[in-house]
Amino acid sequence: MPNYFEISPTDDVLTLQQGQGAAGFAVRYVGERSVEAKAKAVALQGAEQAWLQVAKPATKDMQSNQTQTFKVLVNVPPGTSAGRYGLRLDVMSEDNTDEEYNQGPVISFEVPELSEPAPKTEKGFPWWIIIVAAVILALAAGGIAWWLVARNDVDPLDSPAIPLVSQIDFSEAGGGFFASDAYLSSGIAVVEAKPQGSYCAGAVPTILPVGRYRLPNPALSTASPGNLNSCNAVNLVFRLQNPASKISIEFFGANTSYLLSAYDNGGNVVASDKANATPYNYSTPSTVTVSSEETLIDHFEFGHQGALTMIQSIEITTPDKE
């Protein structure tokens, strides 16, 4: 079978947390035309297809020699038999699925043994009496609390919701390439490069090390696969784990206008901000901030195509869930 898509997993083994996990893949298109590449998750080694889902978007535009990242979400239901299961990612051209089609390597994941259930208690003392008594005490305590609040004219419903703020400081990261979902725990589901046209079509996200462009600390940027010194000036796109109301980025770079654009889940721009950087001034980073309270932010894009990208930190504000 001709090789059109080179599919490389970020890890050979996927570790699940409470039955859930995400497998990342870097996909490079080596054909000679522009295509819409469609990713498909395939269950193997006894796994069920219903456990797997390709994170959106599952179809991406690709140019020759361009690399895109895809992610397969795994959700194993409770009660599944313990054992080793597998999956792979297949990628095909949307308009030529029979010929331009390649299979990725197998990724394994382990479903652990369930702990032994607690032994059944013999019929004896009527515990329902204690449960009823506890409910009565809880209701009484709630009545006293309500009386104390009312007495002080304080309505807890008037208290404002406290937003959740998370910050990712890339100055503490290690240099080099990383998985597209490496910052999932910090609120970013996927980080990916967004080249324009043929310029650095295969660029991927990376952490520039100390000393590169005189950096005193590491910074988030882009690079050509296998070469940290090439393609450091490509826009970055961040897809959020949960919708956000505010995004703030501290960055370094060139004396040109860097643009931060925020989008809703339909791909519409909901807010944007611009700022210039001062070349080689690493004492005070430049800042861009966008906020949108009514229409929440699903993903955002940052950079200036052709101008050096170096992000020091990203702050994500998520509305408090009532």
Protein backbone atom coordinates (compact mmCIF):
# COMPACT_ATOMS: atom_id res chain seq x y z
CA MET A 1 0.00 0.00 0.00
CA PRO A 2 1.47 3.41 -0.95
CA ASN A 3 2.33 5.64 1.96
CA TYR A 4 0.26 8.85 1.96
CA PHE A 5 -0.01 9.52 5.70
CA GLU A 6 2.80 8.95 8.21
CA ILE A 7 1.07 8.34 11.56
CA SER A 8 3.19 8.63 14.73
CA PRO A 9 1.69 8.15 18.23
CA THR A 10 3.02 10.24 21.09
CA ASP A 11 3.17 7.12 23.30
CA ASP A 12 3.11 3.36 22.63
CA VAL A 13 1.07 2.69 25.78
CA LEU A 14 -1.92 4.74 26.97
CA THR A 15 -2.56 5.04 30.72
CA LEU A 16 -6.22 5.35 31.75
CA GLN A 17 -7.46 7.32 34.73
CA GLN A 18 -10.80 6.00 36.04
CA GLY A 19 -11.42 4.39 32.67
CA GLN A 20 -10.68 7.51 30.61
CA GLY A 21 -7.71 8.70 28.58
CA ALA A 22 -6.56 10.35 25.36
CA ALA A 23 -4.07 9.07 22.77
CA GLY A 24 -2.26 11.70 20.68
CA PHE A 25 -1.04 11.21 17.10
CA ALA A 26 1.11 13.36 14.79
CA VAL A 27 0.04 12.82 11.16
CA ARG A 28 2.21 13.95 8.23
CA TYR A 29 0.75 14.01 4.72
CA VAL A 30 3.37 13.04 2.12
CA GLY A 31 1.15 13.22 -0.97
CA GLU A 32 1.55 15.87 -3.64
CA ARG A 33 -1.81 17.66 -3.47
CA SER A 34 -4.05 19.46 -1.00
CA VAL A 35 -6.50 17.11 0.76
CA GLU A 36 -9.06 16.92 3.52
CA ALA A 37 -7.60 14.30 5.85
CA LYS A 38 -10.14 12.30 7.85
CA ALA A 39 -9.10 10.40 10.99
CA LYS A 40 -10.84 7.24 12.20
CA ALA A 41 -10.28 5.37 15.48
CA VAL A 42 -10.23 1.56 15.21
CA ALA A 43 -10.78 -0.74 18.21
CA LEU A 44 -8.40 -3.72 18.48
CA GLN A 45 -7.45 -6.59 20.81
CA GLY A 46 -10.96 -7.00 22.22
CA ALA A 47 -11.74 -3.30 22.68
CA GLU A 48 -15.21 -2.03 21.78
CA GLN A 49 -15.64 0.59 19.04
CA ALA A 50 -18.10 2.44 21.29
CA TRP A 51 -15.24 3.23 23.70
CA LEU A 52 -13.38 5.33 21.10
CA GLN A 53 -14.01 8.75 19.60
CA VAL A 54 -11.76 11.05 17.56
CA ALA A 55 -11.67 14.51 19.14
CA LYS A 56 -13.17 17.19 16.91
CA PRO A 57 -12.28 18.23 14.32
CA ALA A 58 -11.78 14.72 12.94
CA THR A 59 -11.25 16.14 9.42
CA LYS A 60 -8.48 18.67 8.70
CA ASP A 61 -7.13 20.42 5.61
CA MET A 62 -3.58 19.31 4.79
CA GLN A 63 -0.94 20.40 2.30
CA SER A 64 1.95 18.30 1.05
CA ASN A 65 4.48 17.60 3.88
CA GLN A 66 2.22 19.26 6.47
CA THR A 67 1.81 17.72 9.93
CA GLN A 68 -1.45 17.83 11.90
CA THR A 69 -2.28 16.43 15.32
CA PHE A 70 -5.25 14.20 16.11
CA LYS A 71 -6.46 12.81 19.42
CA VAL A 72 -8.48 9.67 20.22
CA LEU A 73 -10.60 9.86 23.37
CA VAL A 74 -11.03 6.59 25.28
CA ASN A 75 -13.92 6.00 27.69
CA VAL A 76 -14.11 2.45 29.09
CA PRO A 77 -17.41 1.75 30.90
CA PRO A 78 -17.44 0.43 34.49
CA GLY A 79 -17.61 -3.35 34.76
CA THR A 80 -15.35 -3.99 31.77
CA SER A 81 -13.23 -7.12 32.13
CA ALA A 82 -9.64 -6.47 33.17
CA GLY A 83 -7.00 -6.93 30.49
CA ARG A 84 -4.92 -5.32 27.76
CA TYR A 85 -6.80 -3.74 24.86
CA GLY A 86 -5.68 -1.83 21.79
CA LEU A 87 -6.53 0.86 19.27
CA ARG A 88 -5.06 2.50 16.21
CA LEU A 89 -5.67 5.64 14.16
CA ASP A 90 -6.39 5.34 10.43
CA VAL A 91 -6.21 8.42 8.19
CA MET A 92 -7.61 8.81 4.69
CA SER A 93 -8.27 11.47 2.07
CA GLU A 94 -11.94 12.50 2.16
CA ASP A 95 -12.26 12.34 -1.64
CA ASN A 96 -10.19 9.17 -2.23
CA THR A 97 -10.69 6.85 0.73
CA ASP A 98 -9.90 3.67 -1.23
CA GLU A 99 -6.40 4.67 -2.38
CA GLU A 100 -5.11 7.44 -0.09
CA TYR A 101 -5.49 5.48 3.15
CA ASN A 102 -2.99 4.47 5.83
CA GLN A 103 -3.17 2.63 9.14
CA GLY A 104 -1.29 3.77 12.22
CA PRO A 105 0.55 1.57 14.75
CA VAL A 106 -1.29 -0.17 17.58
CA ILE A 107 -1.56 1.64 20.93
CA SER A 108 -2.20 -0.54 23.99
CA PHE A 109 -4.10 0.37 27.14
CA GLU A 110 -4.71 -1.58 30.33
CA VAL A 111 -8.00 -2.02 32.17
CA PRO A 112 -7.10 -2.97 35.77
CA GLU A 113 -8.75 -5.55 38.01
CA LEU A 114 -11.71 -4.29 40.01
CA SER A 115 -11.32 -4.32 43.78
CA GLU A 116 -13.19 -7.05 45.65
CA PRO A 117 -16.69 -5.96 46.71
CA ALA A 118 -17.32 -5.53 50.40
CA PRO A 119 -18.94 -8.60 52.01
CA LYS A 120 -22.67 -8.43 52.56
CA THR A 121 -23.68 -7.71 56.14
CA GLU A 122 -25.88 -10.19 57.86
CA LYS A 123 -29.42 -9.14 58.66
CA GLY A 124 -29.38 -7.69 62.14
CA PHE A 125 -29.69 -4.27 63.66
CA PRO A 126 -32.30 -2.07 61.85
CA TRP A 127 -29.93 0.58 60.46
CA TRP A 128 -32.84 2.45 58.89
CA ILE A 129 -33.59 3.88 62.33
CA ILE A 130 -30.17 5.59 62.41
CA ILE A 131 -30.62 6.85 58.84
CA VAL A 132 -34.00 8.40 59.66
CA ALA A 133 -32.55 10.02 62.78
CA ALA A 134 -29.63 11.44 60.76
CA VAL A 135 -32.03 12.94 58.21
CA ILE A 136 -34.06 14.58 60.99
CA LEU A 137 -30.89 16.03 62.54
CA ALA A 138 -29.74 17.33 59.13
CA LEU A 139 -33.08 19.06 58.55
CA ALA A 140 -32.92 20.60 62.00
CA ALA A 141 -29.37 21.86 61.39
CA GLY A 142 -30.45 23.31 58.04
CA GLY A 143 -33.32 25.16 59.72
CA ILE A 144 -30.97 26.66 62.31
CA ALA A 145 -28.52 27.74 59.59
CA TRP A 146 -31.33 29.36 57.59
CA TRP A 147 -32.50 31.22 60.71
CA LEU A 148 -28.97 32.51 61.40
CA VAL A 149 -28.57 33.71 57.80
CA ALA A 150 -31.97 35.40 57.77
CA ARG A 151 -31.22 37.02 61.11
CA ASN A 152 -28.15 38.70 59.67
CA ASP A 153 -29.97 39.72 56.45
CA VAL A 154 -27.50 37.78 54.28
CA ASP A 155 -28.79 35.92 51.24
CA PRO A 156 -26.25 33.33 50.03
CA LEU A 157 -27.82 33.46 46.56
CA ASP A 158 -26.62 37.06 46.27
CA SER A 159 -22.98 35.94 46.53
CA PRO A 160 -21.26 36.36 43.13
CA ALA A 161 -19.97 33.27 41.34
CA ILE A 162 -16.20 32.96 41.62
CA PRO A 163 -14.54 32.26 38.24
CA LEU A 164 -11.88 29.56 37.99
CA VAL A 165 -8.47 30.82 36.83
CA SER A 166 -5.63 28.55 35.66
CA GLN A 167 -2.21 29.68 34.47
CA ILE A 168 0.30 27.78 32.34
CA ASP A 169 3.87 29.04 32.79
CA PHE A 170 6.00 27.78 29.91
CA SER A 171 9.18 29.24 31.45
CA GLU A 172 9.16 26.19 33.75
CA ALA A 173 8.79 23.65 30.90
CA GLY A 174 11.53 21.48 29.46
CA GLY A 175 12.72 22.28 25.93
CA GLY A 176 11.67 20.17 22.95
CA PHE A 177 8.61 18.74 21.22
CA PHE A 178 5.57 17.59 23.20
CA ALA A 179 2.23 15.80 22.74
CA SER A 180 -0.66 17.93 21.49
CA ASP A 181 -2.65 17.17 24.66
CA ALA A 182 0.25 17.69 27.10
CA TYR A 183 -1.60 20.56 28.82
CA LEU A 184 -4.96 18.78 29.15
CA SER A 185 -4.85 19.02 32.96
CA SER A 186 -4.39 22.81 32.68
CA GLY A 187 -7.50 23.30 30.54
CA ILE A 188 -6.06 23.08 27.00
CA ALA A 189 -7.30 19.99 25.14
CA VAL A 190 -5.11 20.40 22.04
CA VAL A 191 -2.22 22.68 20.98
CA GLU A 192 -1.43 22.76 17.27
CA ALA A 193 0.46 24.87 14.76
CA LYS A 194 -1.48 26.64 12.00
CA PRO A 195 0.76 27.35 9.00
CA GLN A 196 -0.56 29.59 6.24
CA GLY A 197 0.00 28.35 2.71
CA SER A 198 3.19 26.41 2.00
CA TYR A 199 5.34 28.31 4.53
CA CYS A 200 6.52 25.80 7.16
CA ALA A 201 3.59 23.51 6.34
CA GLY A 202 4.91 20.78 8.62
CA ALA A 203 5.50 22.95 11.70
CA VAL A 204 4.45 21.60 15.11
CA PRO A 205 4.30 23.15 18.62
CA THR A 206 7.52 23.04 20.65
CA ILE A 207 9.24 24.53 23.69
CA LEU A 208 12.25 26.66 22.75
CA PRO A 209 15.12 26.01 25.19
CA VAL A 210 17.14 28.54 27.20
CA GLY A 211 19.61 30.42 24.98
CA ARG A 212 17.61 30.19 21.77
CA TYR A 213 17.16 33.83 20.63
CA ARG A 214 18.90 34.73 23.95
CA LEU A 215 15.94 33.39 25.94
CA PRO A 216 16.62 33.38 29.70
CA ASN A 217 13.82 30.83 30.18
CA PRO A 218 12.00 28.33 27.93
CA ALA A 219 9.06 29.61 25.84
CA LEU A 220 6.27 28.07 23.75
CA SER A 221 6.79 28.35 19.98
CA THR A 222 6.72 26.24 16.80
CA ALA A 223 9.40 24.35 14.90
CA SER A 224 9.97 21.99 12.02
CA PRO A 225 9.79 18.34 13.15
CA GLY A 226 13.28 17.23 14.13
CA ASN A 227 14.76 20.75 13.90
CA LEU A 228 14.17 23.23 16.73
CA ASN A 229 16.01 25.95 14.80
CA SER A 230 13.53 26.12 11.91
CA CYS A 231 9.93 27.40 11.52
CA ASN A 232 9.75 29.32 14.82
CA ALA A 233 7.30 31.87 13.37
CA VAL A 234 3.99 30.06 12.85
CA ASN A 235 0.64 30.81 14.50
CA LEU A 236 -0.60 28.54 17.31
CA VAL A 237 -4.18 27.34 17.91
CA PHE A 238 -5.39 26.26 21.36
CA ARG A 239 -8.58 24.20 21.79
CA LEU A 240 -10.00 24.39 25.31
CA GLN A 241 -11.11 21.54 27.54
CA ASN A 242 -13.99 23.72 28.82
CA PRO A 243 -15.40 27.02 27.44
CA ALA A 244 -13.67 30.12 28.86
CA SER A 245 -14.72 33.72 29.42
CA LYS A 246 -11.25 35.28 29.31
CA ILE A 247 -7.81 34.50 27.83
CA SER A 248 -4.59 36.40 28.56
CA ILE A 249 -1.19 35.72 26.92
CA GLU A 250 2.24 37.08 27.92
CA PHE A 251 4.75 36.84 25.08
CA PHE A 252 8.03 38.00 23.53
CA GLY A 253 8.85 38.50 19.87
CA ALA A 254 9.42 41.01 17.09
CA ASN A 255 8.43 44.66 16.79
CA THR A 256 5.24 43.86 14.90
CA SER A 257 1.56 43.43 15.67
CA TYR A 258 0.70 40.05 17.22
CA LEU A 259 -2.99 39.07 17.10
CA LEU A 260 -4.98 37.05 19.64
CA SER A 261 -8.36 35.91 18.24
CA ALA A 262 -10.99 34.05 20.27
CA TYR A 263 -13.67 31.87 18.62
CA ASP A 264 -16.92 30.24 19.71
CA ASN A 265 -17.68 26.58 18.98
CA GLY A 266 -19.07 27.56 15.59
CA GLY A 267 -15.79 29.14 14.49
CA ASN A 268 -17.04 32.74 14.81
CA VAL A 269 -14.71 35.43 16.18
CA VAL A 270 -16.05 36.68 19.53
CA ALA A 271 -13.10 38.88 20.61
CA SER A 272 -9.60 39.92 19.53
CA ASP A 273 -6.63 41.96 20.78
CA LYS A 274 -3.30 43.14 19.33
CA ALA A 275 0.06 44.13 20.81
CA ASN A 276 3.66 44.62 19.67
CA ALA A 277 6.71 43.06 21.29
CA THR A 278 10.15 44.56 21.95
CA PRO A 279 12.87 42.37 20.38
CA TYR A 280 15.19 40.70 22.93
CA ASN A 281 13.58 42.51 25.86
CA TYR A 282 12.84 39.60 28.18
CA SER A 283 12.39 41.61 31.38
CA THR A 284 8.83 42.76 30.58
CA PRO A 285 6.62 40.58 28.36
CA SER A 286 3.94 42.06 26.12
CA THR A 287 0.33 41.10 26.88
CA VAL A 288 -2.84 40.49 24.86
CA THR A 289 -6.20 39.80 26.52
CA VAL A 290 -9.64 38.85 25.20
CA SER A 291 -12.87 38.35 27.13
CA SER A 292 -16.40 37.29 26.20
CA GLU A 293 -19.03 36.81 28.90
CA GLU A 294 -22.13 36.10 26.79
CA THR A 295 -20.62 33.84 24.11
CA LEU A 296 -17.93 31.69 25.70
CA ILE A 297 -14.57 30.98 24.06
CA ASP A 298 -14.16 27.49 22.54
CA HIS A 299 -10.67 27.96 21.04
CA PHE A 300 -8.20 30.76 20.29
CA GLU A 301 -5.35 31.55 17.89
CA PHE A 302 -2.21 33.63 18.52
CA GLY A 303 0.72 34.90 16.48
CA HIS A 304 1.89 36.87 13.47
CA GLN A 305 2.70 34.65 10.50
CA GLY A 306 6.39 35.06 9.69
CA ALA A 307 7.24 36.78 13.00
CA LEU A 308 8.96 34.93 15.83
CA THR A 309 6.51 33.39 18.32
CA MET A 310 7.58 33.03 21.99
CA ILE A 311 4.81 32.63 24.59
CA GLN A 312 5.80 32.92 28.25
CA SER A 313 2.42 32.16 29.87
CA ILE A 314 -1.31 31.70 29.23
CA GLU A 315 -4.04 32.50 31.75
CA ILE A 316 -7.48 30.91 31.25
CA THR A 317 -10.57 32.13 33.13
CA THR A 318 -13.49 29.69 33.21
CA PRO A 319 -16.94 30.69 34.56
CA ASP A 320 -17.93 29.04 37.81
CA LYS A 321 -20.37 26.18 37.15
CA GLU A 322 -23.49 26.57 39.26
